Amino acid sequence: MFIYLDTETTGTGPDDRLCQIAFKTGQGIVNELFNPGNPIAIEAMAVHHITNEMVKAKPSFRGSAAYHKLNELVSDQNNAIVAHNARFDISMLRNEGIDPPKVICTLKLARFLDKDGVIPQYNLQYLRYYLDLKVEATAHDASGDILVLERLFKRIYARFKKDGFQDPTEEMLRISISPIRIARMPFGKHKGLPFKEIPADYLEWLLGTELDEDMEHTVRHHLGKS
């Protein structure tokens, strides 16, 4: 069974915590706010519109019914979490004491399938409209995002089936824990250029900045350092 999951958080740092979680299975949707124990950063509020006042009287996630339900689901080896940019959501779950063994990342899958770098951006809401996913959902709300996520995953799953995988799940799990080589530069002064056309000195400079796993892997490959 696939568990479609999204979190909203106090921020993006290692000490941040979730303030909303939503997950969907065939049994329905769980969608709740929680007191994170940390103040929510203004930058985070500007994205998800959850304020400190809204969560002040809420329980903490750890020990809640939602916590126990999710922990039970991920403990079943037949189940896999599906999330977009899963590394972030899973890091937040680990901060709360939940460590899912099986995770599928739709961000990595989208990058993997886009061999020529045709898609300009890979964030969930961009893919929603770029791929014309027909779904009624509020962006940057955990419950709305999982509806988009589910539709995106089903589109990707169908693509894997079309490409000859009778049961794509194992391949998706493998890709989700592997670094992906990105075809085109997604930002900066060389945005849109194939990586092979980007000057080496710029790639060297990039290595000194904060990069996600796929970007670092791509840069190292084109510098001959992978």
N, C-alpha and C. Protein backbone atom coordinates (compact mmCIF):
# COMPACT_ATOMS: atom_id res chain seq x y z
N MET A 1 0.84 -1.19 0.00
CA MET A 1 0.00 0.00 0.00
C MET A 1 0.89 1.25 0.00
N PHE A 2 0.46 2.25 -0.73
CA PHE A 2 1.17 3.52 -0.77
C PHE A 2 0.55 4.48 0.23
N ILE A 3 1.42 5.19 0.96
CA ILE A 3 0.99 6.19 1.94
C ILE A 3 1.45 7.54 1.42
N TYR A 4 0.52 8.34 0.91
CA TYR A 4 0.86 9.66 0.37
C TYR A 4 0.98 10.63 1.55
N LEU A 5 2.14 11.29 1.66
CA LEU A 5 2.41 12.06 2.87
C LEU A 5 2.99 13.43 2.55
N ASP A 6 2.60 14.41 3.37
CA ASP A 6 3.20 15.75 3.29
C ASP A 6 3.22 16.35 4.68
N THR A 7 4.24 17.13 4.95
CA THR A 7 4.34 17.84 6.22
C THR A 7 4.47 19.34 5.97
N GLU A 8 3.98 20.12 6.92
CA GLU A 8 4.29 21.55 6.98
C GLU A 8 5.04 21.75 8.28
N THR A 9 6.04 22.63 8.26
CA THR A 9 7.00 22.67 9.36
C THR A 9 7.29 24.08 9.84
N THR A 10 8.04 24.15 10.95
CA THR A 10 8.43 25.46 11.51
C THR A 10 9.51 26.14 10.70
N GLY A 11 10.17 25.39 9.84
CA GLY A 11 11.27 25.91 9.02
C GLY A 11 11.93 24.75 8.31
N THR A 12 13.12 24.97 7.81
CA THR A 12 13.80 23.93 7.02
C THR A 12 15.12 23.46 7.63
N GLY A 13 15.41 23.90 8.85
CA GLY A 13 16.67 23.53 9.49
C GLY A 13 16.59 22.21 10.24
N PRO A 14 17.74 21.72 10.71
CA PRO A 14 17.78 20.43 11.41
C PRO A 14 17.03 20.43 12.73
N ASP A 15 16.81 21.60 13.34
CA ASP A 15 16.11 21.68 14.62
C ASP A 15 14.63 21.99 14.46
N ASP A 16 14.17 22.12 13.22
CA ASP A 16 12.77 22.44 13.00
C ASP A 16 11.89 21.20 13.18
N ARG A 17 10.60 21.43 13.39
CA ARG A 17 9.65 20.36 13.66
C ARG A 17 8.39 20.56 12.82
N LEU A 18 7.63 19.50 12.69
CA LEU A 18 6.40 19.60 11.91
C LEU A 18 5.29 20.25 12.73
N CYS A 19 4.46 21.03 12.06
CA CYS A 19 3.29 21.64 12.71
C CYS A 19 1.99 21.17 12.04
N GLN A 20 2.11 20.50 10.93
CA GLN A 20 0.95 19.87 10.28
C GLN A 20 1.43 18.63 9.55
N ILE A 21 0.62 17.59 9.60
CA ILE A 21 0.91 16.40 8.81
C ILE A 21 -0.38 15.93 8.16
N ALA A 22 -0.24 15.46 6.95
CA ALA A 22 -1.37 14.83 6.26
C ALA A 22 -0.85 13.58 5.57
N PHE A 23 -1.59 12.50 5.70
CA PHE A 23 -1.26 11.30 4.94
C PHE A 23 -2.53 10.60 4.51
N LYS A 24 -2.45 9.97 3.36
CA LYS A 24 -3.63 9.37 2.73
C LYS A 24 -3.32 7.93 2.35
N THR A 25 -4.22 7.05 2.70
CA THR A 25 -4.17 5.65 2.28
C THR A 25 -5.55 5.28 1.75
N GLY A 26 -5.72 4.01 1.42
CA GLY A 26 -7.04 3.56 1.01
C GLY A 26 -8.07 3.63 2.13
N GLN A 27 -7.59 3.84 3.35
CA GLN A 27 -8.47 3.95 4.51
C GLN A 27 -8.94 5.38 4.75
N GLY A 28 -8.43 6.34 3.97
CA GLY A 28 -8.84 7.73 4.13
C GLY A 28 -7.67 8.65 4.39
N ILE A 29 -8.00 9.90 4.77
CA ILE A 29 -7.00 10.95 4.98
C ILE A 29 -6.93 11.31 6.46
N VAL A 30 -5.71 11.40 6.97
CA VAL A 30 -5.45 12.00 8.28
C VAL A 30 -4.82 13.35 8.03
N ASN A 31 -5.37 14.39 8.63
CA ASN A 31 -4.87 15.75 8.41
C ASN A 31 -5.03 16.53 9.70
N GLU A 32 -3.93 16.85 10.38
CA GLU A 32 -4.02 17.49 11.69
C GLU A 32 -2.90 18.50 11.90
N LEU A 33 -3.20 19.50 12.72
CA LEU A 33 -2.21 20.46 13.18
C LEU A 33 -1.67 20.00 14.54
N PHE A 34 -0.39 20.34 14.80
CA PHE A 34 0.24 19.98 16.06
C PHE A 34 1.08 21.13 16.57
N ASN A 35 1.22 21.18 17.90
CA ASN A 35 2.13 22.14 18.50
C ASN A 35 3.55 21.61 18.34
N PRO A 36 4.40 22.30 17.59
CA PRO A 36 5.73 21.76 17.30
C PRO A 36 6.71 21.91 18.45
N GLY A 37 6.37 22.73 19.44
CA GLY A 37 7.32 22.98 20.52
C GLY A 37 8.35 24.03 20.19
N ASN A 38 8.43 24.41 18.93
CA ASN A 38 9.32 25.47 18.45
C ASN A 38 8.47 26.56 17.81
N PRO A 39 8.91 27.81 17.86
CA PRO A 39 8.18 28.85 17.13
C PRO A 39 8.24 28.62 15.62
N ILE A 40 7.17 28.94 14.93
CA ILE A 40 7.14 28.83 13.47
C ILE A 40 7.78 30.09 12.88
N ALA A 41 8.73 29.89 12.00
CA ALA A 41 9.43 31.02 11.37
C ALA A 41 8.46 31.79 10.46
N ILE A 42 8.66 33.08 10.39
CA ILE A 42 7.82 33.92 9.52
C ILE A 42 7.88 33.42 8.08
N GLU A 43 9.09 33.03 7.63
CA GLU A 43 9.25 32.55 6.25
C GLU A 43 8.39 31.31 6.01
N ALA A 44 8.29 30.45 7.03
CA ALA A 44 7.46 29.25 6.90
C ALA A 44 5.98 29.62 6.89
N MET A 45 5.58 30.55 7.76
CA MET A 45 4.19 31.01 7.79
C MET A 45 3.76 31.57 6.43
N ALA A 46 4.68 32.28 5.79
CA ALA A 46 4.37 32.90 4.50
C ALA A 46 4.08 31.86 3.43
N VAL A 47 4.57 30.64 3.63
CA VAL A 47 4.33 29.55 2.67
C VAL A 47 3.06 28.80 3.01
N HIS A 48 2.95 28.32 4.27
CA HIS A 48 1.81 27.45 4.59
C HIS A 48 0.70 28.14 5.38
N HIS A 49 0.93 29.37 5.85
CA HIS A 49 -0.09 30.18 6.53
C HIS A 49 -0.57 29.56 7.84
N ILE A 50 0.28 28.77 8.47
CA ILE A 50 -0.02 28.25 9.80
C ILE A 50 0.72 29.13 10.81
N THR A 51 0.01 29.70 11.75
CA THR A 51 0.61 30.63 12.71
C THR A 51 0.82 29.94 14.07
N ASN A 52 1.64 30.57 14.89
CA ASN A 52 1.86 30.05 16.24
C ASN A 52 0.56 30.02 17.04
N GLU A 53 -0.29 31.00 16.82
CA GLU A 53 -1.58 31.05 17.52
C GLU A 53 -2.45 29.84 17.17
N MET A 54 -2.39 29.43 15.90
CA MET A 54 -3.22 28.31 15.44
C MET A 54 -2.83 26.98 16.07
N VAL A 55 -1.57 26.84 16.46
CA VAL A 55 -1.10 25.55 17.00
C VAL A 55 -0.84 25.58 18.50
N LYS A 56 -1.04 26.75 19.13
CA LYS A 56 -0.69 26.90 20.54
C LYS A 56 -1.41 25.89 21.43
N ALA A 57 -2.67 25.64 21.16
CA ALA A 57 -3.46 24.73 22.01
C ALA A 57 -3.51 23.30 21.48
N LYS A 58 -2.77 23.04 20.41
CA LYS A 58 -2.78 21.70 19.81
C LYS A 58 -1.83 20.77 20.57
N PRO A 59 -2.07 19.46 20.51
CA PRO A 59 -1.14 18.52 21.15
C PRO A 59 0.15 18.40 20.34
N SER A 60 1.17 17.81 20.93
CA SER A 60 2.38 17.52 20.16
C SER A 60 2.12 16.30 19.29
N PHE A 61 2.88 16.19 18.21
CA PHE A 61 2.68 15.08 17.28
C PHE A 61 3.08 13.75 17.93
N ARG A 62 4.24 13.74 18.55
CA ARG A 62 4.73 12.49 19.16
C ARG A 62 3.77 12.04 20.26
N GLY A 63 3.29 10.83 20.12
CA GLY A 63 2.34 10.28 21.09
C GLY A 63 0.89 10.46 20.72
N SER A 64 0.63 11.23 19.64
CA SER A 64 -0.75 11.45 19.21
C SER A 64 -1.30 10.22 18.49
N ALA A 65 -2.62 10.23 18.25
CA ALA A 65 -3.23 9.13 17.49
C ALA A 65 -2.67 9.06 16.08
N ALA A 66 -2.42 10.23 15.47
CA ALA A 66 -1.85 10.27 14.12
C ALA A 66 -0.44 9.68 14.12
N TYR A 67 0.33 9.98 15.15
CA TYR A 67 1.68 9.42 15.28
C TYR A 67 1.64 7.90 15.32
N HIS A 68 0.78 7.36 16.18
CA HIS A 68 0.70 5.90 16.32
C HIS A 68 0.19 5.25 15.04
N LYS A 69 -0.77 5.90 14.38
CA LYS A 69 -1.31 5.36 13.14
C LYS A 69 -0.23 5.31 12.06
N LEU A 70 0.51 6.41 11.89
CA LEU A 70 1.56 6.45 10.87
C LEU A 70 2.67 5.45 11.19
N ASN A 71 3.05 5.38 12.46
CA ASN A 71 4.10 4.43 12.86
C ASN A 71 3.68 2.99 12.56
N GLU A 72 2.42 2.70 12.79
CA GLU A 72 1.89 1.36 12.48
C GLU A 72 1.94 1.09 10.99
N LEU A 73 1.57 2.08 10.19
CA LEU A 73 1.56 1.92 8.73
C LEU A 73 2.96 1.68 8.18
N VAL A 74 3.93 2.48 8.63
CA VAL A 74 5.28 2.35 8.06
C VAL A 74 6.00 1.10 8.57
N SER A 75 5.51 0.53 9.66
CA SER A 75 6.11 -0.70 10.19
C SER A 75 5.73 -1.92 9.36
N ASP A 76 4.71 -1.79 8.54
CA ASP A 76 4.27 -2.87 7.66
C ASP A 76 5.15 -2.88 6.41
N GLN A 77 5.88 -3.94 6.17
CA GLN A 77 6.82 -4.02 5.06
C GLN A 77 6.13 -3.98 3.69
N ASN A 78 4.82 -4.14 3.68
CA ASN A 78 4.07 -4.05 2.42
C ASN A 78 3.73 -2.61 2.04
N ASN A 79 4.02 -1.67 2.93
CA ASN A 79 3.67 -0.28 2.71
C ASN A 79 4.90 0.57 2.39
N ALA A 80 4.69 1.62 1.61
CA ALA A 80 5.77 2.57 1.30
C ALA A 80 5.24 3.99 1.37
N ILE A 81 6.01 4.87 1.97
CA ILE A 81 5.71 6.30 1.97
C ILE A 81 5.97 6.86 0.58
N VAL A 82 5.07 7.72 0.09
CA VAL A 82 5.29 8.48 -1.13
C VAL A 82 5.27 9.95 -0.75
N ALA A 83 6.34 10.68 -1.09
CA ALA A 83 6.42 12.11 -0.78
C ALA A 83 7.21 12.82 -1.88
N HIS A 84 7.01 14.13 -1.99
CA HIS A 84 7.74 14.93 -2.97
C HIS A 84 8.86 15.64 -2.24
N ASN A 85 10.09 15.46 -2.73
CA ASN A 85 11.28 15.85 -1.98
C ASN A 85 11.25 15.13 -0.64
N ALA A 86 11.15 13.81 -0.73
CA ALA A 86 10.93 12.96 0.44
C ALA A 86 12.00 13.12 1.50
N ARG A 87 13.22 13.42 1.09
CA ARG A 87 14.30 13.54 2.08
C ARG A 87 13.94 14.54 3.17
N PHE A 88 13.29 15.64 2.79
CA PHE A 88 12.92 16.65 3.78
C PHE A 88 11.84 16.12 4.72
N ASP A 89 10.76 15.58 4.16
CA ASP A 89 9.66 15.08 5.00
C ASP A 89 10.13 13.96 5.92
N ILE A 90 10.96 13.07 5.38
CA ILE A 90 11.43 11.95 6.19
C ILE A 90 12.35 12.45 7.31
N SER A 91 13.14 13.49 7.03
CA SER A 91 13.99 14.04 8.09
C SER A 91 13.14 14.59 9.22
N MET A 92 11.99 15.20 8.88
CA MET A 92 11.09 15.72 9.90
C MET A 92 10.45 14.58 10.69
N LEU A 93 10.08 13.51 10.01
CA LEU A 93 9.53 12.34 10.71
C LEU A 93 10.57 11.73 11.65
N ARG A 94 11.80 11.66 11.20
CA ARG A 94 12.85 11.10 12.05
C ARG A 94 13.07 11.97 13.29
N ASN A 95 12.94 13.29 13.13
CA ASN A 95 13.02 14.17 14.29
C ASN A 95 11.95 13.83 15.32
N GLU A 96 10.85 13.25 14.85
CA GLU A 96 9.74 12.91 15.74
C GLU A 96 9.75 11.44 16.16
N GLY A 97 10.76 10.68 15.72
CA GLY A 97 10.88 9.30 16.14
C GLY A 97 10.27 8.27 15.21
N ILE A 98 9.92 8.67 13.99
CA ILE A 98 9.40 7.72 13.00
C ILE A 98 10.41 7.62 11.86
N ASP A 99 10.81 6.40 11.52
CA ASP A 99 11.84 6.19 10.49
C ASP A 99 11.34 5.19 9.45
N PRO A 100 10.64 5.65 8.42
CA PRO A 100 10.06 4.74 7.43
C PRO A 100 11.15 4.00 6.65
N PRO A 101 11.07 2.67 6.54
CA PRO A 101 12.09 1.92 5.81
C PRO A 101 11.92 1.98 4.29
N LYS A 102 10.71 2.23 3.82
CA LYS A 102 10.45 2.25 2.38
C LYS A 102 9.87 3.60 1.98
N VAL A 103 10.60 4.31 1.11
CA VAL A 103 10.21 5.66 0.73
C VAL A 103 10.36 5.84 -0.78
N ILE A 104 9.34 6.40 -1.39
CA ILE A 104 9.38 6.74 -2.82
C ILE A 104 9.31 8.26 -2.93
N CYS A 105 10.26 8.83 -3.67
CA CYS A 105 10.33 10.29 -3.84
C CYS A 105 9.92 10.68 -5.25
N THR A 106 8.80 11.37 -5.39
CA THR A 106 8.33 11.77 -6.71
C THR A 106 9.19 12.86 -7.33
N LEU A 107 9.90 13.64 -6.52
CA LEU A 107 10.84 14.62 -7.08
C LEU A 107 11.96 13.90 -7.83
N LYS A 108 12.56 12.90 -7.19
CA LYS A 108 13.63 12.14 -7.85
C LYS A 108 13.10 11.41 -9.08
N LEU A 109 11.90 10.86 -8.99
CA LEU A 109 11.34 10.15 -10.13
C LEU A 109 11.10 11.09 -11.31
N ALA A 110 10.61 12.30 -11.03
CA ALA A 110 10.38 13.27 -12.11
C ALA A 110 11.70 13.65 -12.77
N ARG A 111 12.74 13.89 -11.97
CA ARG A 111 14.05 14.20 -12.53
C ARG A 111 14.60 13.03 -13.35
N PHE A 112 14.41 11.81 -12.84
CA PHE A 112 14.91 10.62 -13.52
C PHE A 112 14.25 10.44 -14.89
N LEU A 113 12.94 10.67 -14.97
CA LEU A 113 12.22 10.46 -16.22
C LEU A 113 12.48 11.56 -17.24
N ASP A 114 12.84 12.75 -16.76
CA ASP A 114 13.06 13.89 -17.65
C ASP A 114 14.52 13.89 -18.13
N LYS A 115 14.86 12.92 -18.96
CA LYS A 115 16.26 12.70 -19.37
C LYS A 115 16.87 13.90 -20.08
N ASP A 116 16.05 14.65 -20.84
CA ASP A 116 16.58 15.77 -21.62
C ASP A 116 16.41 17.11 -20.93
N GLY A 117 15.89 17.11 -19.72
CA GLY A 117 15.73 18.36 -18.99
C GLY A 117 14.70 19.28 -19.62
N VAL A 118 13.62 18.72 -20.10
CA VAL A 118 12.57 19.52 -20.75
C VAL A 118 11.77 20.32 -19.73
N ILE A 119 11.54 19.76 -18.55
CA ILE A 119 10.72 20.42 -17.54
C ILE A 119 11.57 21.47 -16.81
N PRO A 120 11.13 22.74 -16.80
CA PRO A 120 11.96 23.80 -16.21
C PRO A 120 12.11 23.70 -14.70
N GLN A 121 11.06 23.23 -14.00
CA GLN A 121 11.11 23.14 -12.55
C GLN A 121 10.46 21.83 -12.11
N TYR A 122 10.81 21.39 -10.91
CA TYR A 122 10.29 20.11 -10.43
C TYR A 122 9.53 20.23 -9.11
N ASN A 123 9.26 21.45 -8.66
CA ASN A 123 8.47 21.52 -7.43
C ASN A 123 7.05 21.03 -7.70
N LEU A 124 6.38 20.60 -6.64
CA LEU A 124 5.10 19.90 -6.79
C LEU A 124 4.05 20.72 -7.50
N GLN A 125 3.91 21.99 -7.14
CA GLN A 125 2.86 22.80 -7.75
C GLN A 125 3.18 23.14 -9.20
N TYR A 126 4.47 23.29 -9.52
CA TYR A 126 4.83 23.51 -10.92
C TYR A 126 4.47 22.29 -11.75
N LEU A 127 4.81 21.12 -11.26
CA LEU A 127 4.48 19.88 -11.98
C LEU A 127 2.97 19.70 -12.10
N ARG A 128 2.25 20.12 -11.10
CA ARG A 128 0.78 20.04 -11.15
C ARG A 128 0.22 20.72 -12.39
N TYR A 129 0.72 21.92 -12.69
CA TYR A 129 0.19 22.66 -13.83
C TYR A 129 0.92 22.33 -15.13
N TYR A 130 2.21 22.06 -15.03
CA TYR A 130 2.96 21.69 -16.24
C TYR A 130 2.42 20.41 -16.85
N LEU A 131 2.09 19.44 -16.00
CA LEU A 131 1.58 18.15 -16.47
C LEU A 131 0.07 18.13 -16.57
N ASP A 132 -0.57 19.27 -16.27
CA ASP A 132 -2.02 19.39 -16.35
C ASP A 132 -2.71 18.30 -15.54
N LEU A 133 -2.28 18.17 -14.28
CA LEU A 133 -2.89 17.19 -13.39
C LEU A 133 -4.24 17.74 -12.92
N LYS A 134 -5.29 17.05 -13.21
CA LYS A 134 -6.63 17.52 -12.90
C LYS A 134 -6.96 17.20 -11.45
N VAL A 135 -6.77 18.18 -10.57
CA VAL A 135 -7.04 17.95 -9.15
C VAL A 135 -7.45 19.27 -8.49
N GLU A 136 -8.44 19.20 -7.64
CA GLU A 136 -8.87 20.35 -6.85
C GLU A 136 -8.17 20.29 -5.50
N ALA A 137 -7.24 21.21 -5.27
CA ALA A 137 -6.47 21.16 -4.03
C ALA A 137 -5.88 22.53 -3.75
N THR A 138 -5.75 22.85 -2.45
CA THR A 138 -5.12 24.09 -2.02
C THR A 138 -3.62 23.89 -1.90
N ALA A 139 -2.84 24.72 -2.58
CA ALA A 139 -1.38 24.58 -2.55
C ALA A 139 -0.82 24.94 -1.19
N HIS A 140 0.28 24.28 -0.83
CA HIS A 140 1.04 24.55 0.40
C HIS A 140 0.21 24.32 1.66
N ASP A 141 -0.80 23.50 1.54
CA ASP A 141 -1.50 22.95 2.69
C ASP A 141 -1.27 21.45 2.60
N ALA A 142 -0.92 20.82 3.72
CA ALA A 142 -0.51 19.41 3.65
C ALA A 142 -1.60 18.53 3.04
N SER A 143 -2.86 18.79 3.39
CA SER A 143 -3.93 17.95 2.85
C SER A 143 -4.13 18.19 1.36
N GLY A 144 -3.96 19.45 0.92
CA GLY A 144 -4.07 19.73 -0.51
C GLY A 144 -2.90 19.16 -1.30
N ASP A 145 -1.72 19.26 -0.71
CA ASP A 145 -0.52 18.77 -1.41
C ASP A 145 -0.55 17.26 -1.62
N ILE A 146 -1.14 16.51 -0.68
CA ILE A 146 -1.15 15.06 -0.89
C ILE A 146 -2.10 14.65 -2.00
N LEU A 147 -3.12 15.46 -2.28
CA LEU A 147 -4.00 15.15 -3.41
C LEU A 147 -3.26 15.35 -4.73
N VAL A 148 -2.47 16.42 -4.81
CA VAL A 148 -1.63 16.64 -5.99
C VAL A 148 -0.57 15.55 -6.09
N LEU A 149 0.04 15.24 -4.96
CA LEU A 149 1.07 14.20 -4.90
C LEU A 149 0.53 12.86 -5.41
N GLU A 150 -0.65 12.49 -4.96
CA GLU A 150 -1.23 11.22 -5.39
C GLU A 150 -1.44 11.19 -6.90
N ARG A 151 -1.96 12.29 -7.45
CA ARG A 151 -2.20 12.35 -8.89
C ARG A 151 -0.88 12.29 -9.66
N LEU A 152 0.14 13.00 -9.17
CA LEU A 152 1.46 12.96 -9.81
C LEU A 152 2.03 11.55 -9.77
N PHE A 153 1.95 10.92 -8.62
CA PHE A 153 2.50 9.56 -8.49
C PHE A 153 1.81 8.60 -9.46
N LYS A 154 0.52 8.70 -9.58
CA LYS A 154 -0.20 7.79 -10.48
C LYS A 154 0.20 8.04 -11.93
N ARG A 155 0.48 9.30 -12.28
CA ARG A 155 0.95 9.60 -13.64
C ARG A 155 2.34 8.96 -13.85
N ILE A 156 3.22 9.10 -12.86
CA ILE A 156 4.56 8.53 -12.97
C ILE A 156 4.49 7.01 -13.00
N TYR A 157 3.66 6.43 -12.17
CA TYR A 157 3.52 4.97 -12.12
C TYR A 157 3.08 4.45 -13.49
N ALA A 158 2.13 5.14 -14.11
CA ALA A 158 1.67 4.73 -15.44
C ALA A 158 2.79 4.82 -16.46
N ARG A 159 3.65 5.83 -16.33
CA ARG A 159 4.79 5.97 -17.24
C ARG A 159 5.76 4.79 -17.08
N PHE A 160 6.02 4.40 -15.85
CA PHE A 160 6.89 3.25 -15.62
C PHE A 160 6.28 1.98 -16.21
N LYS A 161 4.98 1.82 -16.06
CA LYS A 161 4.31 0.65 -16.65
C LYS A 161 4.45 0.67 -18.17
N LYS A 162 4.28 1.85 -18.75
CA LYS A 162 4.41 2.01 -20.20
C LYS A 162 5.83 1.68 -20.66
N ASP A 163 6.81 1.98 -19.81
CA ASP A 163 8.21 1.72 -20.14
C ASP A 163 8.61 0.26 -19.92
N GLY A 164 7.66 -0.58 -19.51
CA GLY A 164 7.92 -2.01 -19.45
C GLY A 164 8.07 -2.62 -18.08
N PHE A 165 7.90 -1.83 -17.02
CA PHE A 165 7.98 -2.38 -15.67
C PHE A 165 6.60 -2.90 -15.27
N GLN A 166 6.49 -4.21 -15.09
CA GLN A 166 5.20 -4.79 -14.71
C GLN A 166 4.79 -4.34 -13.31
N ASP A 167 5.76 -4.30 -12.41
CA ASP A 167 5.54 -3.77 -11.05
C ASP A 167 6.63 -2.75 -10.78
N PRO A 168 6.33 -1.47 -11.00
CA PRO A 168 7.37 -0.43 -10.91
C PRO A 168 7.87 -0.14 -9.50
N THR A 169 7.23 -0.68 -8.48
CA THR A 169 7.51 -0.25 -7.11
C THR A 169 8.98 -0.42 -6.73
N GLU A 170 9.56 -1.59 -7.00
CA GLU A 170 10.95 -1.82 -6.60
C GLU A 170 11.91 -0.88 -7.33
N GLU A 171 11.65 -0.61 -8.61
CA GLU A 171 12.49 0.33 -9.35
C GLU A 171 12.35 1.74 -8.79
N MET A 172 11.13 2.12 -8.42
CA MET A 172 10.91 3.44 -7.83
C MET A 172 11.63 3.58 -6.49
N LEU A 173 11.59 2.53 -5.69
CA LEU A 173 12.30 2.55 -4.41
C LEU A 173 13.79 2.69 -4.63
N ARG A 174 14.33 1.99 -5.62
CA ARG A 174 15.76 2.06 -5.92
C ARG A 174 16.16 3.47 -6.36
N ILE A 175 15.39 4.04 -7.28
CA ILE A 175 15.69 5.38 -7.78
C ILE A 175 15.63 6.41 -6.66
N SER A 176 14.69 6.22 -5.74
CA SER A 176 14.46 7.19 -4.68
C SER A 176 15.59 7.28 -3.68
N ILE A 177 16.46 6.28 -3.63
CA ILE A 177 17.61 6.36 -2.71
C ILE A 177 18.92 6.55 -3.48
N SER A 178 18.81 6.83 -4.78
CA SER A 178 20.00 6.99 -5.62
C SER A 178 20.14 8.44 -6.06
N PRO A 179 21.38 8.93 -6.22
CA PRO A 179 21.55 10.27 -6.77
C PRO A 179 21.17 10.30 -8.24
N ILE A 180 20.48 11.36 -8.66
CA ILE A 180 20.00 11.50 -10.03
C ILE A 180 20.83 12.55 -10.74
N ARG A 181 21.21 12.27 -11.98
CA ARG A 181 21.95 13.24 -12.78
C ARG A 181 20.95 14.17 -13.47
N ILE A 182 21.03 15.46 -13.17
CA ILE A 182 20.12 16.46 -13.72
C ILE A 182 20.64 16.92 -15.08
N ALA A 183 19.72 17.08 -16.04
CA ALA A 183 20.15 17.38 -17.41
C ALA A 183 20.54 18.85 -17.59
N ARG A 184 19.78 19.77 -16.99
CA ARG A 184 20.01 21.20 -17.23
C ARG A 184 20.12 21.97 -15.92
N MET A 185 20.85 23.06 -15.96
CA MET A 185 21.04 23.90 -14.78
C MET A 185 19.71 24.54 -14.39
N PRO A 186 19.24 24.34 -13.14
CA PRO A 186 17.91 24.83 -12.77
C PRO A 186 17.87 26.27 -12.25
N PHE A 187 19.03 26.91 -12.05
CA PHE A 187 19.00 28.27 -11.48
C PHE A 187 20.28 29.01 -11.87
N GLY A 188 20.32 30.30 -11.50
CA GLY A 188 21.53 31.09 -11.69
C GLY A 188 21.73 31.61 -13.11
N LYS A 189 22.91 32.13 -13.36
CA LYS A 189 23.17 32.79 -14.65
C LYS A 189 23.23 31.80 -15.80
N HIS A 190 23.41 30.51 -15.51
CA HIS A 190 23.44 29.50 -16.56
C HIS A 190 22.14 28.67 -16.59
N LYS A 191 21.11 29.21 -16.00
CA LYS A 191 19.83 28.50 -15.92
C LYS A 191 19.36 28.06 -17.31
N GLY A 192 18.99 26.78 -17.42
CA GLY A 192 18.48 26.23 -18.68
C GLY A 192 19.54 25.61 -19.56
N LEU A 193 20.82 25.87 -19.28
CA LEU A 193 21.89 25.29 -20.09
C LEU A 193 22.12 23.82 -19.73
N PRO A 194 22.43 22.98 -20.71
CA PRO A 194 22.86 21.63 -20.37
C PRO A 194 24.12 21.70 -19.52
N PHE A 195 24.23 20.84 -18.54
CA PHE A 195 25.38 20.88 -17.64
C PHE A 195 26.71 20.74 -18.38
N LYS A 196 26.71 20.01 -19.48
CA LYS A 196 27.96 19.81 -20.22
C LYS A 196 28.47 21.10 -20.85
N GLU A 197 27.60 22.14 -20.94
CA GLU A 197 28.00 23.42 -21.54
C GLU A 197 28.38 24.47 -20.49
N ILE A 198 28.27 24.14 -19.23
CA ILE A 198 28.55 25.10 -18.16
C ILE A 198 30.05 25.12 -17.86
N PRO A 199 30.66 26.29 -17.78
CA PRO A 199 32.11 26.37 -17.53
C PRO A 199 32.52 25.66 -16.25
N ALA A 200 33.67 25.02 -16.29
CA ALA A 200 34.16 24.24 -15.16
C ALA A 200 34.38 25.10 -13.92
N ASP A 201 34.83 26.36 -14.11
CA ASP A 201 35.08 27.20 -12.94
C ASP A 201 33.79 27.51 -12.19
N TYR A 202 32.69 27.62 -12.94
CA TYR A 202 31.39 27.86 -12.29
C TYR A 202 30.95 26.61 -11.52
N LEU A 203 31.18 25.44 -12.11
CA LEU A 203 30.83 24.20 -11.43
C LEU A 203 31.67 24.02 -10.16
N GLU A 204 32.93 24.40 -10.24
CA GLU A 204 33.79 24.33 -9.06
C GLU A 204 33.25 25.23 -7.96
N TRP A 205 32.82 26.42 -8.36
CA TRP A 205 32.25 27.34 -7.38
C TRP A 205 30.98 26.75 -6.76
N LEU A 206 30.16 26.11 -7.59
CA LEU A 206 28.93 25.51 -7.08
C LEU A 206 29.20 24.49 -5.99
N LEU A 207 30.29 23.74 -6.13
CA LEU A 207 30.61 22.71 -5.13
C LEU A 207 30.83 23.31 -3.74
N GLY A 208 31.16 24.57 -3.68
CA GLY A 208 31.36 25.23 -2.39
C GLY A 208 30.09 25.79 -1.80
N THR A 209 28.95 25.60 -2.48
CA THR A 209 27.66 26.08 -1.98
C THR A 209 26.83 24.90 -1.48
N GLU A 210 25.70 25.22 -0.90
CA GLU A 210 24.82 24.17 -0.39
C GLU A 210 23.98 23.61 -1.53
N LEU A 211 24.20 22.35 -1.85
CA LEU A 211 23.51 21.69 -2.96
C LEU A 211 22.75 20.47 -2.45
N ASP A 212 21.64 20.15 -3.11
CA ASP A 212 20.99 18.90 -2.75
C ASP A 212 21.77 17.73 -3.36
N GLU A 213 21.41 16.52 -2.98
CA GLU A 213 22.17 15.34 -3.38
C GLU A 213 22.29 15.23 -4.90
N ASP A 214 21.20 15.47 -5.62
CA ASP A 214 21.21 15.31 -7.07
C ASP A 214 22.07 16.37 -7.75
N MET A 215 21.98 17.61 -7.25
CA MET A 215 22.81 18.67 -7.83
C MET A 215 24.29 18.39 -7.60
N GLU A 216 24.65 18.00 -6.39
CA GLU A 216 26.06 17.71 -6.10
C GLU A 216 26.57 16.56 -6.97
N HIS A 217 25.76 15.52 -7.09
CA HIS A 217 26.13 14.37 -7.93
C HIS A 217 26.35 14.81 -9.37
N THR A 218 25.46 15.67 -9.88
CA THR A 218 25.55 16.13 -11.27
C THR A 218 26.80 16.97 -11.49
N VAL A 219 27.04 17.91 -10.57
CA VAL A 219 28.21 18.79 -10.69
C VAL A 219 29.50 17.97 -10.63
N ARG A 220 29.57 17.05 -9.69
CA ARG A 220 30.77 16.21 -9.57
C ARG A 220 30.99 15.36 -10.82
N HIS A 221 29.91 14.87 -11.40
CA HIS A 221 30.03 14.07 -12.61
C HIS A 221 30.66 14.89 -13.75
N HIS A 222 30.18 16.11 -13.93
CA HIS A 222 30.67 16.93 -15.04
C HIS A 222 32.06 17.52 -14.76
N LEU A 223 32.51 17.45 -13.51
CA LEU A 223 33.87 17.85 -13.20
C LEU A 223 34.81 16.64 -13.16
N GLY A 224 34.24 15.46 -13.42
CA GLY A 224 35.04 14.24 -13.37
C GLY A 224 35.42 13.82 -11.98
N LYS A 225 34.60 14.21 -11.00
CA LYS A 225 34.91 13.91 -9.60
C LYS A 225 33.96 12.91 -8.99
N SER A 226 33.07 12.32 -9.78
CA SER A 226 32.10 11.38 -9.22
C SER A 226 32.69 9.99 -9.10
